[in-house]
Amino acid sequence: MPEIVIRNATVYDGSGTEPIQTDIGIDECFICNVGNPGNGKTEIDATGLALAPGFIDVHTHDDVATIDNPEMPFKIFGGVTSCIVGNCGMGCAPVENTPRSGGILQRKESFPIFQSFLAYIEYLQSHKSSVNVGVLAGFGTLREFVMGQKKTEPTQAQLRQMKNLLADGISEGLLGLSTGLIYEPDIFATTEEIRDVASIMAGTGAPYVTHLRDEGKGLINSIEEALDIGEKAGVPVQLSHHKAAGSEAWGSVQDSLAMIEEAQARGTDIHADQYPYTAGSTVLKALVPKIAAGSYPPEVVVVSGAPNHPEWEGCTLPEVGTLMRVPWDAVVSRVLDLEPDVTVIAHIMNEEDVQEVMRHPSTMIGSDGIPVLGGKPHPRLYGSFARVLGRYARDLGLFSVSEAVYRMTGLPAKKFGLTGRGVIREGAYADVVIFNPETIIDRGTFENPHQYPDGIKQVFVNGSLTVRDGIHTGVRNGVFLRRCARPHNL
């Protein structure tokens, strides 16, 4: 007898095919039956509701959050059951002392130091989270571990050490390698250096995942670099948060999508991810070159997280300058002097491009949220998946709900080698979300971002009911996700 039977659900199985109304059974951490599960010890009536695989957030910066805030409410209440961390070249391991990127990862001084991938993985396995966690190796973290903040090219010995560290990580279950080519120290690396390191993954199926060097006027050249790295290294490619940033680049996504299609036609495994908003978010110091060049006008850049100066939060850079009584052309340097890791939101995309990218079959969904639990973070942290289902699939009809679910589940599971995830079928892991297709929508705004989506009813992670009618049950049953292997329990 199954532990749980869910009856009369409209089941989207994660394949992109049309849904069917049926029953499913869950026993321990698996889906044990689809269609005729018999009686269950616990039964749930899902009449009028949709059932889908738990959403896989392929682009997160939840590396620290999954440990410091293990119930992960900003993800689990949005139906996300698996988070991929280690994006944009930065992660929790391997590090010698205090790692970089405190502003994006929101690392505290008390956070553990992991000098190897194995130590990090073992810690994840022994400290439970409410979501599954898959890990990318951050190129910048590797480079800094080996070379510090040196701007020079690595020696052959240093290059060999980076490759060996990555090889060890992949053998221990990491999902791939990421770069963040607007951040230090990644920005110092040549194409050849990155390609050489990535080549150690050839034949494993593990992808090269990249925040491009330039998402504005240099978008096309940057994708050419990503393809050069992936194709010559013999590894799949994943373009992070695909967009055209800055008004001077708007419309260029038509060319970038054509490049993806051309690469796929010649046999390259390339996809992209996207968050469903017209604003991005990162640390202010990463945007200084774009602001200085006039690509990002200061009035479109809004402070989202400044722990020591909360009065800045929600203000544009000129407004912060007014508060500080500093001329607008000096405000950036002054803000960075006082708050080096300040995070910002930049309203730099247009809706037409967002829809063009989302419509394309190469695109999956990644929130890219910075887990700032105070301040005014980008609402994508809470609402990305509900927004795709509610606004873009249901209300705008950009694609079917079946297709939207596939982009959030089956497609990323295939790309990142997450066997048994992203599907509703017998023997698959019971990561399941039940939602109301008529009411699901994001609620967070830029003014009031800390709001959970509407319409998410119940969420199961590895068979354990984690969200019941909008209430977290306190269960933390996530696992460390190994590529193409059964995961170990956290």
Protein backbone atom coordinates (compact mmCIF):
# COMPACT_ATOMS: atom_id res chain seq x y z
CA MET A 1 0.00 0.00 0.00
CA PRO A 2 1.48 3.39 -0.98
CA GLU A 3 2.18 5.88 1.78
CA ILE A 4 0.41 8.61 -0.21
CA VAL A 5 -2.07 8.53 -3.07
CA ILE A 6 -2.93 11.74 -4.92
CA ARG A 7 -6.22 11.42 -6.78
CA ASN A 8 -7.85 13.17 -9.74
CA ALA A 9 -4.88 15.42 -10.53
CA THR A 10 -4.25 16.92 -13.95
CA VAL A 11 -0.76 15.48 -14.36
CA TYR A 12 1.93 17.26 -16.36
CA ASP A 13 4.63 14.59 -16.52
CA GLY A 14 7.58 16.84 -17.41
CA SER A 15 7.92 15.58 -20.99
CA GLY A 16 6.04 18.44 -22.66
CA THR A 17 3.14 16.21 -23.70
CA GLU A 18 -0.44 17.13 -22.90
CA PRO A 19 -1.60 16.40 -19.35
CA ILE A 20 -3.84 13.55 -18.28
CA GLN A 21 -6.18 13.30 -15.32
CA THR A 22 -5.03 10.41 -13.17
CA ASP A 23 -3.90 9.21 -9.75
CA ILE A 24 -0.34 8.70 -8.54
CA GLY A 25 1.09 6.77 -5.62
CA ILE A 26 4.13 7.72 -3.55
CA ASP A 27 6.04 5.28 -1.38
CA GLU A 28 9.15 6.28 0.53
CA CYS A 29 11.03 8.66 -1.80
CA PHE A 30 9.69 7.33 -5.11
CA ILE A 31 6.62 7.50 -7.31
CA CYS A 32 5.46 3.90 -7.12
CA ASN A 33 2.49 4.00 -9.49
CA VAL A 34 0.88 6.25 -12.07
CA GLY A 35 -2.71 5.47 -13.01
CA ASN A 36 -3.76 2.72 -10.60
CA PRO A 37 -2.06 3.08 -7.22
CA GLY A 38 -4.82 1.45 -5.18
CA ASN A 39 -5.55 2.73 -1.70
CA GLY A 40 -3.04 4.84 0.17
CA LYS A 41 -2.36 5.29 3.86
CA THR A 42 -2.91 9.00 3.20
CA GLU A 43 -5.04 10.23 0.32
CA ILE A 44 -5.12 13.70 -1.22
CA ASP A 45 -7.88 14.88 -3.54
CA ALA A 46 -6.37 17.06 -6.26
CA THR A 47 -9.54 17.59 -8.28
CA GLY A 48 -9.20 20.80 -10.28
CA LEU A 49 -5.48 21.04 -9.52
CA ALA A 50 -2.37 20.44 -11.60
CA LEU A 51 0.42 18.09 -10.56
CA ALA A 52 3.93 18.37 -11.97
CA PRO A 53 7.49 17.37 -11.14
CA GLY A 54 9.09 19.72 -8.63
CA PHE A 55 10.67 22.67 -10.40
CA ILE A 56 14.44 22.65 -10.96
CA ASP A 57 16.05 26.07 -10.53
CA VAL A 58 19.12 25.77 -12.73
CA HIS A 59 20.63 29.14 -11.87
CA THR A 60 20.76 30.03 -8.19
CA HIS A 61 23.14 31.66 -5.76
CA ASP A 62 21.75 29.69 -2.84
CA ASP A 63 25.13 28.13 -1.98
CA VAL A 64 25.16 29.67 1.49
CA ALA A 65 21.39 29.89 1.91
CA THR A 66 20.84 26.14 1.69
CA ILE A 67 23.04 25.80 4.78
CA ASP A 68 22.23 28.99 6.70
CA ASN A 69 18.51 28.98 5.89
CA PRO A 70 17.86 25.27 5.26
CA GLU A 71 14.07 25.46 5.09
CA MET A 72 14.53 27.58 1.93
CA PRO A 73 11.08 29.21 2.08
CA PHE A 74 11.71 31.57 -0.84
CA LYS A 75 12.18 28.54 -3.11
CA ILE A 76 10.04 25.75 -1.69
CA PHE A 77 6.92 27.96 -1.48
CA GLY A 78 7.38 28.60 -5.20
CA GLY A 79 7.38 24.90 -6.05
CA VAL A 80 11.16 24.62 -6.45
CA THR A 81 12.43 21.28 -5.16
CA SER A 82 15.96 21.33 -6.62
CA CYS A 83 18.50 24.17 -6.73
CA ILE A 84 21.72 24.21 -8.73
CA VAL A 85 24.37 26.29 -6.98
CA GLY A 86 27.92 27.28 -7.91
CA ASN A 87 26.82 29.54 -10.76
CA CYS A 88 28.66 32.55 -12.21
CA GLY A 89 32.06 31.11 -11.35
CA MET A 90 31.59 31.34 -7.59
CA GLY A 91 30.91 28.78 -4.92
CA CYS A 92 31.66 27.50 -1.44
CA ALA A 93 34.57 25.24 -2.35
CA PRO A 94 37.47 24.95 -2.53
CA VAL A 95 38.56 27.95 -0.46
CA GLU A 96 41.47 28.63 1.89
CA ASN A 97 40.04 31.48 3.91
CA THR A 98 37.12 33.85 3.41
CA PRO A 99 35.80 33.30 -0.12
CA ARG A 100 34.95 36.15 -2.45
CA SER A 101 31.49 37.28 -3.48
CA GLY A 102 29.94 37.89 -0.10
CA GLY A 103 27.48 40.25 -1.75
CA ILE A 104 26.01 37.66 -4.11
CA LEU A 105 26.28 34.54 -1.97
CA GLN A 106 25.39 36.49 1.20
CA ARG A 107 28.11 34.69 3.14
CA LYS A 108 28.54 35.42 6.84
CA GLU A 109 31.88 35.37 8.64
CA SER A 110 30.75 32.35 10.67
CA PHE A 111 30.14 30.26 7.54
CA PRO A 112 32.28 27.08 7.36
CA ILE A 113 35.44 26.95 5.26
CA PHE A 114 35.59 24.05 2.79
CA GLN A 115 39.05 23.37 1.42
CA SER A 116 37.85 20.65 -0.94
CA PHE A 117 34.75 19.72 -2.89
CA LEU A 118 34.54 16.51 -0.89
CA ALA A 119 34.41 18.42 2.41
CA TYR A 120 31.62 20.61 1.03
CA ILE A 121 29.66 17.64 -0.28
CA GLU A 122 29.98 15.79 3.02
CA TYR A 123 28.73 18.86 4.85
CA LEU A 124 25.71 19.09 2.54
CA GLN A 125 25.00 15.43 3.15
CA SER A 126 25.04 15.86 6.92
CA HIS A 127 23.13 19.17 7.08
CA LYS A 128 19.67 18.73 5.65
CA SER A 129 17.89 21.27 3.46
CA SER A 130 14.28 21.35 2.31
CA VAL A 131 15.45 21.30 -1.32
CA ASN A 132 17.77 19.08 -3.30
CA VAL A 133 21.14 20.68 -4.06
CA GLY A 134 23.24 20.17 -7.18
CA VAL A 135 26.65 21.85 -7.36
CA LEU A 136 28.67 23.37 -10.18
CA ALA A 137 32.38 24.01 -9.77
CA GLY A 138 32.98 27.75 -9.89
CA PHE A 139 35.89 28.58 -12.17
CA GLY A 140 36.68 31.76 -10.24
CA THR A 141 36.69 29.88 -6.95
CA LEU A 142 39.07 27.30 -8.42
CA ARG A 143 41.32 29.98 -9.87
CA GLU A 144 41.45 31.94 -6.64
CA PHE A 145 42.21 28.79 -4.63
CA VAL A 146 45.19 28.08 -6.89
CA MET A 147 46.37 31.59 -7.84
CA GLY A 148 44.81 34.07 -5.43
CA GLN A 149 43.70 37.30 -7.11
CA LYS A 150 46.56 37.32 -9.62
CA LYS A 151 45.67 38.88 -12.95
CA THR A 152 48.36 36.95 -14.80
CA GLU A 153 47.97 33.78 -16.82
CA PRO A 154 48.45 30.59 -14.80
CA THR A 155 51.64 28.60 -15.02
CA GLN A 156 51.40 25.10 -16.42
CA ALA A 157 51.57 23.75 -12.87
CA GLN A 158 48.72 26.02 -11.75
CA LEU A 159 46.65 25.09 -14.78
CA ARG A 160 47.23 21.42 -14.06
CA GLN A 161 46.17 21.93 -10.44
CA MET A 162 42.90 23.60 -11.50
CA LYS A 163 42.17 20.76 -13.90
CA ASN A 164 42.89 18.14 -11.26
CA LEU A 165 40.62 19.87 -8.76
CA LEU A 166 37.82 20.02 -11.33
CA ALA A 167 38.34 16.37 -12.29
CA ASP A 168 38.08 15.39 -8.63
CA GLY A 169 34.89 17.43 -8.26
CA ILE A 170 33.26 15.88 -11.31
CA SER A 171 34.16 12.39 -10.11
CA GLU A 172 32.59 13.21 -6.74
CA GLY A 173 29.31 14.22 -8.38
CA LEU A 174 29.51 17.88 -9.37
CA LEU A 175 27.28 18.81 -12.29
CA GLY A 176 29.64 20.95 -14.37
CA LEU A 177 31.84 24.06 -14.48
CA SER A 178 30.62 27.67 -14.36
CA THR A 179 32.21 31.02 -15.15
CA GLY A 180 31.19 34.56 -14.30
CA LEU A 181 33.15 36.58 -16.81
CA ILE A 182 32.21 40.01 -15.45
CA TYR A 183 33.53 39.14 -11.98
CA GLU A 184 37.03 38.88 -10.58
CA PRO A 185 39.04 36.70 -10.93
CA ASP A 186 37.20 35.10 -13.89
CA ILE A 187 37.55 38.33 -15.84
CA PHE A 188 41.34 37.85 -15.90
CA ALA A 189 41.13 34.42 -17.57
CA THR A 190 41.66 34.02 -21.30
CA THR A 191 39.43 31.95 -23.52
CA GLU A 192 42.25 29.44 -23.88
CA GLU A 193 42.67 29.06 -20.12
CA ILE A 194 38.98 28.39 -19.56
CA ARG A 195 38.84 26.00 -22.49
CA ASP A 196 41.83 24.05 -21.19
CA VAL A 197 40.29 23.65 -17.74
CA ALA A 198 36.86 22.74 -19.16
CA SER A 199 38.37 20.08 -21.42
CA ILE A 200 38.88 17.82 -18.40
CA MET A 201 35.08 17.27 -18.48
CA ALA A 202 35.06 15.93 -22.06
CA GLY A 203 33.13 12.70 -22.31
CA THR A 204 31.33 13.13 -18.98
CA GLY A 205 28.34 15.08 -20.31
CA ALA A 206 28.96 17.77 -17.68
CA PRO A 207 28.31 21.23 -19.18
CA TYR A 208 30.22 24.48 -19.29
CA VAL A 209 27.82 27.05 -17.78
CA THR A 210 28.68 30.68 -18.40
CA HIS A 211 27.74 34.19 -17.41
CA LEU A 212 29.03 35.77 -20.61
CA ARG A 213 31.71 38.47 -20.75
CA ASP A 214 29.23 40.94 -22.19
CA GLU A 215 25.45 40.71 -22.39
CA GLY A 216 25.14 44.09 -24.11
CA LYS A 217 26.73 45.25 -27.36
CA GLY A 218 29.23 42.40 -27.06
CA LEU A 219 26.57 39.68 -26.72
CA ILE A 220 27.28 37.98 -30.04
CA ASN A 221 31.05 37.95 -29.56
CA SER A 222 30.57 36.59 -26.06
CA ILE A 223 28.41 33.72 -27.30
CA GLU A 224 31.06 32.99 -29.91
CA GLU A 225 33.56 32.67 -27.06
CA ALA A 226 31.25 30.32 -25.15
CA LEU A 227 30.80 28.15 -28.23
CA ASP A 228 34.54 28.14 -28.88
CA ILE A 229 35.14 26.89 -25.34
CA GLY A 230 32.42 24.26 -25.43
CA GLU A 231 33.02 22.91 -28.92
CA LYS A 232 36.81 22.76 -28.71
CA ALA A 233 36.75 21.35 -25.17
CA GLY A 234 34.14 18.79 -26.20
CA VAL A 235 31.55 19.73 -23.57
CA PRO A 236 27.92 20.94 -23.63
CA VAL A 237 27.23 24.66 -23.18
CA GLN A 238 24.70 26.47 -21.01
CA LEU A 239 24.27 30.24 -21.38
CA SER A 240 23.27 31.80 -18.08
CA HIS A 241 20.38 34.31 -17.90
CA HIS A 242 20.20 34.86 -21.66
CA LYS A 243 19.34 38.48 -22.39
CA ALA A 244 20.27 41.66 -24.22
CA ALA A 245 21.26 44.12 -21.51
CA GLY A 246 21.13 47.86 -22.13
CA SER A 247 18.97 49.66 -24.67
CA GLU A 248 21.81 49.75 -27.20
CA ALA A 249 21.65 45.93 -27.37
CA TRP A 250 17.87 45.47 -27.46
CA GLY A 251 16.75 43.29 -30.34
CA SER A 252 20.04 41.40 -30.61
CA VAL A 253 18.51 38.30 -29.03
CA GLN A 254 17.21 37.40 -32.48
CA ASP A 255 20.82 37.02 -33.59
CA SER A 256 21.87 35.22 -30.41
CA LEU A 257 19.00 32.74 -30.72
CA ALA A 258 19.95 32.16 -34.36
CA MET A 259 23.49 31.36 -33.19
CA ILE A 260 22.10 28.78 -30.77
CA GLU A 261 20.08 27.18 -33.57
CA GLU A 262 23.09 27.09 -35.89
CA ALA A 263 25.24 25.50 -33.20
CA GLN A 264 22.57 22.90 -32.44
CA ALA A 265 22.30 22.11 -36.16
CA ARG A 266 26.00 21.24 -36.25
CA GLY A 267 25.61 18.96 -33.24
CA THR A 268 26.51 21.22 -30.32
CA ASP A 269 24.59 20.63 -27.10
CA ILE A 270 23.75 24.24 -26.17
CA HIS A 271 20.90 25.67 -24.14
CA ALA A 272 20.22 28.78 -22.09
CA ASP A 273 18.33 29.79 -18.99
CA GLN A 274 16.36 32.92 -18.22
CA TYR A 275 14.51 34.72 -15.44
CA PRO A 276 11.14 36.20 -16.49
CA TYR A 277 11.73 39.88 -15.71
CA THR A 278 13.08 42.96 -17.47
CA ALA A 279 15.53 43.80 -14.68
CA GLY A 280 18.69 42.08 -13.55
CA SER A 281 20.48 42.13 -10.22
CA THR A 282 24.06 41.80 -9.02
CA VAL A 283 26.67 43.60 -6.95
CA LEU A 284 27.16 47.24 -7.88
CA LYS A 285 30.91 46.87 -8.37
CA ALA A 286 30.31 44.51 -11.31
CA LEU A 287 28.29 47.18 -13.14
CA VAL A 288 30.77 50.04 -12.77
CA PRO A 289 32.17 49.69 -16.34
CA LYS A 290 28.67 49.72 -17.86
CA ILE A 291 27.58 52.70 -15.77
CA ALA A 292 30.77 54.59 -16.62
CA ALA A 293 30.29 53.88 -20.33
CA GLY A 294 26.70 55.14 -20.25
CA SER A 295 25.24 51.74 -21.14
CA TYR A 296 23.35 51.61 -17.84
CA PRO A 297 22.05 55.07 -16.90
CA PRO A 298 22.30 55.60 -13.12
CA GLU A 299 18.56 56.25 -12.84
CA VAL A 300 17.80 52.62 -13.84
CA VAL A 301 20.07 51.19 -11.12
CA VAL A 302 18.32 50.71 -7.76
CA VAL A 303 19.95 49.68 -4.48
CA SER A 304 18.46 46.39 -3.28
CA GLY A 305 20.67 45.35 -0.38
CA ALA A 306 22.79 47.65 1.80
CA PRO A 307 22.82 46.20 5.33
CA ASN A 308 24.71 49.14 6.82
CA HIS A 309 22.66 51.76 4.98
CA PRO A 310 19.07 50.48 4.73
CA GLU A 311 17.90 54.01 3.90
CA TRP A 312 19.42 53.51 0.43
CA GLU A 313 17.36 50.40 -0.34
CA GLY A 314 14.76 51.02 -3.02
CA CYS A 315 16.50 54.22 -4.17
CA THR A 316 18.10 54.85 -7.55
CA LEU A 317 21.75 55.88 -7.61
CA PRO A 318 20.88 59.57 -8.14
CA GLU A 319 18.44 59.36 -5.22
CA VAL A 320 21.17 57.85 -3.05
CA GLY A 321 23.41 60.72 -4.11
CA THR A 322 20.77 63.17 -2.94
CA LEU A 323 20.53 61.41 0.43
CA MET A 324 24.32 61.54 0.76
CA ARG A 325 24.61 65.06 -0.65
CA VAL A 326 27.08 63.74 -3.21
CA PRO A 327 27.05 64.65 -6.95
CA TRP A 328 25.59 61.86 -9.06
CA ASP A 329 28.88 61.32 -10.91
CA ALA A 330 30.63 60.59 -7.59
CA VAL A 331 27.91 58.52 -5.96
CA VAL A 332 29.05 55.09 -7.21
CA SER A 333 32.56 55.38 -5.80
CA ARG A 334 31.22 56.82 -2.55
CA VAL A 335 28.66 54.03 -2.15
CA LEU A 336 31.31 51.38 -2.79
CA ASP A 337 33.63 52.99 -0.25
CA LEU A 338 30.95 52.71 2.41
CA GLU A 339 29.29 49.43 1.34
CA PRO A 340 31.61 47.38 -0.94
CA ASP A 341 29.20 44.47 -1.40
CA VAL A 342 26.05 46.52 -1.99
CA THR A 343 23.61 44.75 -4.31
CA VAL A 344 21.53 46.50 -6.94
CA ILE A 345 18.70 45.92 -9.40
CA ALA A 346 19.23 47.22 -12.93
CA HIS A 347 16.23 47.80 -15.21
CA ILE A 348 18.10 47.12 -18.44
CA MET A 349 16.03 44.74 -20.61
CA ASN A 350 12.84 45.09 -22.62
CA GLU A 351 9.76 42.89 -22.59
CA GLU A 352 9.92 41.98 -26.28
CA ASP A 353 13.36 40.43 -25.83
CA VAL A 354 12.29 38.61 -22.68
CA GLN A 355 9.41 37.00 -24.56
CA GLU A 356 11.55 36.21 -27.60
CA VAL A 357 14.08 34.32 -25.47
CA MET A 358 11.42 32.59 -23.39
CA ARG A 359 9.54 31.39 -26.45
CA HIS A 360 12.63 29.66 -27.82
CA PRO A 361 12.84 25.90 -27.14
CA SER A 362 16.46 26.17 -25.96
CA THR A 363 15.44 28.19 -22.89
CA MET A 364 14.89 26.79 -19.41
CA ILE A 365 14.14 28.79 -16.26
CA GLY A 366 16.62 29.94 -13.62
CA SER A 367 15.76 32.52 -10.98
CA ASP A 368 19.28 33.95 -10.47
CA GLY A 369 17.98 35.37 -7.20
CA ILE A 370 20.36 36.84 -4.65
CA PRO A 371 19.12 35.44 -1.31
CA VAL A 372 18.91 38.74 0.55
CA LEU A 373 16.38 38.05 3.31
CA GLY A 374 16.25 41.71 4.30
CA GLY A 375 16.31 44.76 2.07
CA LYS A 376 14.53 44.77 -1.27
CA PRO A 377 15.95 41.94 -3.38
CA HIS A 378 14.84 41.23 -6.92
CA PRO A 379 11.40 39.51 -6.76
CA ARG A 380 12.72 36.75 -9.04
CA LEU A 381 14.07 35.15 -5.85
CA TYR A 382 10.49 34.25 -4.92
CA GLY A 383 8.37 34.26 -8.03
CA SER A 384 10.17 33.19 -11.21
CA PHE A 385 8.46 29.85 -11.77
CA ALA A 386 4.96 30.96 -10.82
CA ARG A 387 5.39 33.99 -13.08
CA VAL A 388 6.26 31.83 -16.08
CA LEU A 389 3.26 29.58 -15.50
CA GLY A 390 0.78 32.33 -14.63
CA ARG A 391 1.77 35.31 -16.73
CA TYR A 392 3.57 33.87 -19.73
CA ALA A 393 1.91 30.47 -20.24
CA ARG A 394 -1.64 30.99 -18.97
CA ASP A 395 -2.30 34.72 -19.45
CA LEU A 396 -0.18 35.59 -22.49
CA GLY A 397 -0.24 32.16 -24.15
CA LEU A 398 3.44 32.36 -25.04
CA PHE A 399 3.51 28.57 -24.88
CA SER A 400 1.43 25.82 -23.31
CA VAL A 401 1.52 24.96 -19.63
CA SER A 402 2.90 21.57 -20.68
CA GLU A 403 5.81 23.26 -22.43
CA ALA A 404 6.40 25.59 -19.49
CA VAL A 405 6.54 22.65 -17.09
CA TYR A 406 8.97 20.82 -19.39
CA ARG A 407 11.31 23.84 -19.44
CA MET A 408 11.30 23.82 -15.61
CA THR A 409 11.62 20.07 -15.09
CA GLY A 410 12.36 17.53 -17.81
CA LEU A 411 14.67 19.74 -19.87
CA PRO A 412 16.99 20.83 -17.03
CA ALA A 413 17.04 17.28 -15.64
CA LYS A 414 18.32 16.04 -19.00
CA LYS A 415 20.83 18.86 -19.37
CA PHE A 416 22.40 18.40 -15.96
CA GLY A 417 22.18 14.61 -15.80
CA LEU A 418 19.68 14.45 -12.94
CA THR A 419 18.50 10.91 -13.44
CA GLY A 420 15.03 10.25 -12.04
CA ARG A 421 14.25 13.94 -11.58
CA GLY A 422 12.01 16.24 -13.58
CA VAL A 423 9.49 13.55 -14.53
CA ILE A 424 6.31 11.95 -13.22
CA ARG A 425 6.67 8.24 -13.84
CA GLU A 426 6.98 5.03 -11.89
CA GLY A 427 10.39 4.76 -10.25
CA ALA A 428 11.15 8.49 -10.42
CA TYR A 429 11.94 10.43 -7.29
CA ALA A 430 8.81 11.88 -5.73
CA ASP A 431 9.63 15.56 -6.16
CA VAL A 432 6.11 16.82 -6.79
CA VAL A 433 4.31 20.16 -6.84
CA ILE A 434 0.53 20.53 -6.81
CA PHE A 435 -0.75 23.92 -7.97
CA ASN A 436 -3.91 25.65 -9.09
CA PRO A 437 -3.43 26.46 -12.79
CA GLU A 438 -6.12 29.15 -12.62
CA THR A 439 -4.56 31.15 -9.79
CA ILE A 440 -0.82 30.50 -9.87
CA ILE A 441 1.07 33.80 -10.17
CA ASP A 442 3.98 35.65 -8.63
CA ARG A 443 3.08 38.31 -6.04
CA GLY A 444 6.40 39.95 -5.24
CA THR A 445 7.10 43.41 -6.62
CA PHE A 446 10.23 45.52 -6.73
CA GLU A 447 8.74 47.65 -3.97
CA ASN A 448 7.61 44.66 -1.87
CA PRO A 449 9.55 41.60 -3.02
CA HIS A 450 9.24 39.36 0.05
CA GLN A 451 6.00 37.69 -1.02
CA TYR A 452 5.37 34.06 -1.86
CA PRO A 453 3.47 33.16 -5.05
CA ASP A 454 -0.21 32.34 -5.14
CA GLY A 455 -1.50 28.96 -6.25
CA ILE A 456 1.13 26.55 -4.89
CA LYS A 457 -0.82 24.07 -2.77
CA GLN A 458 1.48 21.21 -1.82
CA VAL A 459 5.12 20.35 -2.40
CA PHE A 460 6.80 16.99 -1.88
CA VAL A 461 10.58 16.54 -1.81
CA ASN A 462 11.74 12.94 -2.16
CA GLY A 463 8.31 11.78 -1.06
CA SER A 464 8.08 13.98 2.03
CA LEU A 465 5.31 16.57 2.25
CA THR A 466 7.21 19.81 2.74
CA VAL A 467 4.54 22.42 1.95
CA ARG A 468 0.92 21.80 2.92
CA ASP A 469 -1.62 24.44 1.92
CA GLY A 470 0.92 27.23 2.07
CA ILE A 471 2.52 26.13 5.34
CA HIS A 472 6.04 24.71 5.66
CA THR A 473 5.87 21.40 7.52
CA GLY A 474 9.42 21.78 8.81
CA VAL A 475 10.60 18.75 6.83
CA ARG A 476 14.11 18.89 5.38
CA ASN A 477 14.43 15.89 3.08
CA GLY A 478 16.59 17.27 0.29
CA VAL A 479 19.54 15.34 -1.11
CA PHE A 480 22.86 16.17 -2.72
CA LEU A 481 22.33 15.65 -6.45
CA ARG A 482 25.06 13.70 -8.20
CA ARG A 483 25.22 13.76 -11.96
CA CYS A 484 23.69 10.61 -13.50
CA ALA A 485 23.69 8.72 -10.23
CA ARG A 486 21.45 7.97 -7.31
CA PRO A 487 21.96 10.83 -4.83
CA HIS A 488 23.13 10.35 -1.29
CA ASN A 489 20.81 11.44 1.49
CA LEU A 490 21.76 14.73 3.06
